[in-house]
Amino acid sequence: MPKLTEFAPPGTEPTRTLTLSYQSRTKSRLLAKLDNGEDVGLFLERGKVLRGGDVLTGPDGLAVSIIAAPEPVSVARTDDSLLLARVCYHLGNRHVALQIEPGEVRFLADHVLDDMVRGLGLVVEQASAPFEPEAGAYSHGH
C-alpha cells in the first residue's frame, strides 16, 4: 500500500485524487481509498489540516491531490456585518470550526447551533458543500 508522508513541492502534478471529509482531513494517520479504489495510508506531521487542492507525496513518488468532500453544512447569510460578527463570535465561543465568507458563515450541520443562530436573527439553510473552515490565527502554511 502506498504511503503519503509529506506535502509535495509546489508545481507537482498529481496522478491520483483522494476525496476526504473535513474530519478525515484533520487526521495525521489515516487508512483511506483513493478515488480510483486503491488503498493508501496517510502518515503526516501532526497538527496539519489538509485543504482541498493540497498535493501529497511519499517515498514511492505517488502524487495525490486532496479534494474536500461535499458534506452537510449549515449556511447563514446576511448583509449586516455586525450581525454576522456576532454570530461568528457566539459560534467561535463554542469552539465551532467556521468557514467565513463575505456575507455568510458555514459550519458543520448541527440543529442546536442552527437554533442558536436563528435566535440571533439569521436564517439558516442546509447545503451539501465542501467545508473549508478558517485555519486559525496561529496556523501557518505548509
Protein backbone atom coordinates (compact mmCIF):
# COMPACT_ATOMS: atom_id res chain seq x y z
CA MET A 1 0.00 0.00 0.00
CA PRO A 2 1.42 3.41 -0.95
CA LYS A 3 2.14 5.85 1.88
CA LEU A 4 1.64 9.61 1.74
CA THR A 5 4.08 11.24 4.15
CA GLU A 6 4.51 14.87 3.13
CA PHE A 7 3.23 17.81 1.14
CA ALA A 8 4.51 17.74 -2.43
CA PRO A 9 6.69 20.60 -3.67
CA PRO A 10 4.78 23.44 -5.41
CA GLY A 11 4.08 22.64 -9.05
CA THR A 12 3.91 18.87 -8.55
CA GLU A 13 1.34 17.38 -10.91
CA PRO A 14 -0.93 14.91 -9.11
CA THR A 15 -1.53 11.48 -10.63
CA ARG A 16 -4.38 10.47 -8.30
CA THR A 17 -7.10 12.10 -6.18
CA LEU A 18 -8.35 11.48 -2.66
CA THR A 19 -11.70 12.88 -1.55
CA LEU A 20 -11.99 13.38 2.22
CA SER A 21 -14.44 14.93 4.66
CA TYR A 22 -13.25 17.74 6.91
CA GLN A 23 -12.95 15.36 9.88
CA SER A 24 -10.76 12.99 7.85
CA ARG A 25 -8.63 15.92 6.65
CA THR A 26 -7.74 16.72 10.29
CA LYS A 27 -6.18 13.30 10.91
CA SER A 28 -2.45 12.73 10.60
CA ARG A 29 -2.78 8.94 10.46
CA LEU A 30 -5.46 7.52 8.20
CA LEU A 31 -6.10 4.48 6.04
CA ALA A 32 -8.16 5.57 3.04
CA LYS A 33 -9.13 4.67 -0.51
CA LEU A 34 -8.07 6.85 -3.39
CA ASP A 35 -10.88 7.88 -5.71
CA ASN A 36 -9.84 5.09 -8.08
CA GLY A 37 -10.30 2.49 -5.29
CA GLU A 38 -6.62 1.95 -4.39
CA ASP A 39 -5.74 1.75 -0.69
CA VAL A 40 -3.42 4.42 0.69
CA GLY A 41 -2.03 5.31 4.09
CA LEU A 42 -1.57 8.87 5.35
CA PHE A 43 1.34 9.34 7.75
CA LEU A 44 1.66 13.09 8.11
CA GLU A 45 3.10 15.51 10.65
CA ARG A 46 0.60 16.02 13.46
CA GLY A 47 -1.33 19.27 13.63
CA LYS A 48 -1.75 19.86 9.89
CA VAL A 49 -5.19 20.14 8.32
CA LEU A 50 -5.45 19.14 4.68
CA ARG A 51 -7.14 21.59 2.34
CA GLY A 52 -8.77 20.95 -1.00
CA GLY A 53 -6.05 21.32 -3.62
CA ASP A 54 -3.18 20.18 -1.38
CA VAL A 55 -0.95 17.62 -3.06
CA LEU A 56 0.67 14.87 -1.01
CA THR A 57 3.50 12.55 -1.90
CA GLY A 58 5.51 9.76 -0.36
CA PRO A 59 8.58 7.55 -0.76
CA ASP A 60 7.33 5.89 -3.95
CA GLY A 61 6.75 9.24 -5.73
CA LEU A 62 2.96 8.97 -5.95
CA ALA A 63 1.38 12.47 -6.06
CA VAL A 64 -2.19 12.71 -4.74
CA SER A 65 -4.44 15.78 -4.89
CA ILE A 66 -6.77 16.23 -1.92
CA ILE A 67 -10.41 17.03 -2.69
CA ALA A 68 -12.66 18.42 0.05
CA ALA A 69 -15.76 16.20 0.02
CA PRO A 70 -19.20 17.77 -0.03
CA GLU A 71 -20.83 17.30 3.37
CA PRO A 72 -23.85 18.60 5.26
CA VAL A 73 -23.26 22.20 6.29
CA SER A 74 -25.40 24.94 7.76
CA VAL A 75 -25.18 28.27 5.94
CA ALA A 76 -26.25 31.59 7.46
CA ARG A 77 -26.18 34.73 5.29
CA THR A 78 -26.66 38.42 5.97
CA ASP A 79 -25.66 41.81 4.60
CA ASP A 80 -25.42 43.08 8.19
CA SER A 81 -21.70 42.80 9.05
CA LEU A 82 -22.30 43.45 12.77
CA LEU A 83 -24.85 40.64 12.96
CA LEU A 84 -22.52 38.31 11.07
CA ALA A 85 -19.70 39.19 13.50
CA ARG A 86 -22.00 38.49 16.48
CA VAL A 87 -22.97 35.09 15.07
CA CYS A 88 -19.32 34.22 14.40
CA TYR A 89 -18.40 35.32 17.92
CA HIS A 90 -21.05 33.12 19.54
CA LEU A 91 -20.20 30.11 17.37
CA GLY A 92 -16.48 30.60 17.96
CA ASN A 93 -17.11 30.89 21.68
CA ARG A 94 -18.37 27.30 21.41
CA HIS A 95 -15.18 26.29 19.59
CA VAL A 96 -17.07 25.56 16.37
CA ALA A 97 -15.00 25.41 13.19
CA LEU A 98 -16.24 28.16 10.84
CA GLN A 99 -15.89 28.88 7.16
CA ILE A 100 -16.35 32.64 6.91
CA GLU A 101 -17.12 34.16 3.53
CA PRO A 102 -18.32 37.65 2.57
CA GLY A 103 -21.84 37.89 3.97
CA GLU A 104 -22.04 34.31 5.18
CA VAL A 105 -20.78 31.76 7.68
CA ARG A 106 -20.80 27.97 7.28
CA PHE A 107 -20.41 25.29 9.91
CA LEU A 108 -20.95 21.55 10.02
CA ALA A 109 -24.69 20.91 10.28
CA ASP A 110 -25.92 20.84 13.88
CA HIS A 111 -29.55 21.55 14.75
CA VAL A 112 -28.67 23.01 18.17
CA LEU A 113 -26.28 25.53 16.59
CA ASP A 114 -28.83 26.23 13.85
CA ASP A 115 -31.39 27.17 16.53
CA MET A 116 -28.88 29.45 18.28
CA VAL A 117 -28.06 31.25 15.01
CA ARG A 118 -31.77 31.64 14.23
CA GLY A 119 -32.24 33.08 17.74
CA LEU A 120 -29.60 35.68 16.91
CA GLY A 121 -31.65 36.74 13.88
CA LEU A 122 -30.28 34.88 10.85
CA VAL A 123 -31.96 32.41 8.54
CA VAL A 124 -30.09 29.09 8.39
CA GLU A 125 -30.14 26.94 5.27
CA GLN A 126 -28.84 23.42 4.82
CA ALA A 127 -26.46 22.61 1.98
CA SER A 128 -24.09 19.93 0.80
CA ALA A 129 -20.75 21.58 0.11
CA PRO A 130 -17.03 21.20 0.75
CA PHE A 131 -16.21 22.54 4.21
CA GLU A 132 -13.00 24.61 4.43
CA PRO A 133 -13.01 26.34 7.83
CA GLU A 134 -10.64 29.06 8.97
CA ALA A 135 -7.24 27.64 9.84
CA GLY A 136 -6.84 29.76 12.96
CA ALA A 137 -4.79 32.79 13.89
CA TYR A 138 -1.73 30.79 14.89
CA SER A 139 -1.59 28.40 11.96
CA HIS A 140 0.96 28.84 9.23
CA GLY A 141 1.23 27.49 5.71
CA HIS A 142 2.75 24.11 4.95
